[in-house]
Amino acid sequence: MTVASRCRRHQSDPFNQGIPRDVVLRLLAGSWSSEDYEHYLCTEHWAGMRASAFTYHGPACVLCDATKGLQVHHRPGRYKRLFRERVERD
């Protein structure tokens, strides 16, 4: 199994992530607030995607090679794919 295929396993049902349905609908529609996004960052889905990003890209920043204080972010314009991300693309 390739790293990319292992990373895709975090595609999960957004309605089973423990956040309110109206928040999920806004996240999926791309019309969410910063509070909605905070809910998203607390989901098991995001925790899995974050871990997969470090597995796929390695333990260093893909832009500057820093190894401390790392965070995982979506690429610009990819925030409309929340719950439908792919580590190698977004």
Protein backbone atom coordinates (compact mmCIF):
# COMPACT_ATOMS: atom_id res chain seq x y z
CA MET A 1 0.00 0.00 0.00
CA THR A 2 1.41 3.39 -0.99
CA VAL A 3 1.59 6.38 1.33
CA ALA A 4 -1.00 8.18 -0.78
CA SER A 5 -3.48 5.30 -0.52
CA ARG A 6 -2.98 5.07 3.25
CA CYS A 7 -3.63 8.79 3.52
CA ARG A 8 -6.95 8.59 1.68
CA ARG A 9 -8.45 6.36 4.36
CA HIS A 10 -9.39 9.45 6.35
CA GLN A 11 -12.20 10.26 3.95
CA SER A 12 -15.02 9.96 6.46
CA ASP A 13 -18.68 10.81 6.86
CA PRO A 14 -18.75 14.48 7.89
CA PHE A 15 -22.08 13.97 9.67
CA ASN A 16 -20.50 11.46 12.08
CA GLN A 17 -17.80 13.80 13.40
CA GLY A 18 -19.64 15.09 16.47
CA ILE A 19 -20.28 18.60 15.17
CA PRO A 20 -23.71 20.16 14.57
CA ARG A 21 -25.39 19.33 11.26
CA ASP A 22 -25.81 23.01 10.32
CA VAL A 23 -22.06 23.53 10.79
CA VAL A 24 -21.28 20.51 8.58
CA LEU A 25 -23.59 21.84 5.88
CA ARG A 26 -21.87 25.24 5.91
CA LEU A 27 -18.43 23.61 5.83
CA LEU A 28 -19.42 21.45 2.86
CA ALA A 29 -20.95 24.43 1.04
CA GLY A 30 -17.85 26.55 1.55
CA SER A 31 -19.77 29.29 3.39
CA TRP A 32 -18.43 28.75 6.89
CA SER A 33 -17.36 31.07 9.69
CA SER A 34 -14.15 30.97 11.70
CA GLU A 35 -16.15 29.34 14.52
CA ASP A 36 -17.35 26.63 12.10
CA TYR A 37 -13.73 26.03 11.04
CA GLU A 38 -12.70 25.66 14.69
CA HIS A 39 -15.30 22.87 14.96
CA TYR A 40 -13.76 21.26 11.88
CA LEU A 41 -10.27 21.36 13.40
CA CYS A 42 -11.55 19.35 16.37
CA THR A 43 -12.86 16.44 14.29
CA GLU A 44 -11.31 12.99 14.06
CA HIS A 45 -11.28 13.52 10.31
CA TRP A 46 -8.93 16.52 10.59
CA ALA A 47 -6.72 14.73 13.14
CA GLY A 48 -6.34 11.88 10.66
CA MET A 49 -5.68 14.22 7.73
CA ARG A 50 -3.08 16.12 9.76
CA ALA A 51 -1.27 12.90 10.70
CA SER A 52 -1.44 11.73 7.08
CA ALA A 53 0.02 15.03 5.87
CA PHE A 54 3.06 14.53 8.09
CA THR A 55 3.37 10.92 6.87
CA TYR A 56 3.08 11.94 3.23
CA HIS A 57 5.20 15.11 3.26
CA GLY A 58 7.61 14.21 6.05
CA PRO A 59 8.55 15.96 9.28
CA ALA A 60 9.64 19.25 7.69
CA CYS A 61 7.94 22.24 6.10
CA VAL A 62 7.49 21.73 2.36
CA LEU A 63 8.26 25.42 1.77
CA CYS A 64 11.25 26.18 4.02
CA ASP A 65 12.41 22.83 5.50
CA ALA A 66 11.79 23.99 9.10
CA THR A 67 11.30 21.10 11.51
CA LYS A 68 9.96 22.93 14.60
CA GLY A 69 6.57 24.50 15.19
CA LEU A 70 5.01 22.73 12.21
CA GLN A 71 1.36 23.14 11.33
CA VAL A 72 -0.73 21.68 8.55
CA HIS A 73 -2.70 24.05 6.31
CA HIS A 74 -4.75 23.67 3.18
CA ARG A 75 -3.31 25.15 0.04
CA PRO A 76 -4.90 28.47 -0.95
CA GLY A 77 -8.23 27.94 -2.67
CA ARG A 78 -8.58 24.39 -1.33
CA TYR A 79 -10.64 25.25 1.73
CA LYS A 80 -13.76 24.49 -0.31
CA ARG A 81 -12.88 20.79 -0.12
CA LEU A 82 -13.27 20.36 3.63
CA PHE A 83 -14.05 16.71 4.42
CA ARG A 84 -13.06 15.83 0.83
CA GLU A 85 -9.33 16.60 1.01
CA ARG A 86 -6.57 14.48 -0.42
CA VAL A 87 -3.18 14.88 1.24
CA GLU A 88 -1.23 14.81 -2.01
CA ARG A 89 -3.44 17.50 -3.59
CA ASP A 90 -4.76 19.84 -0.89
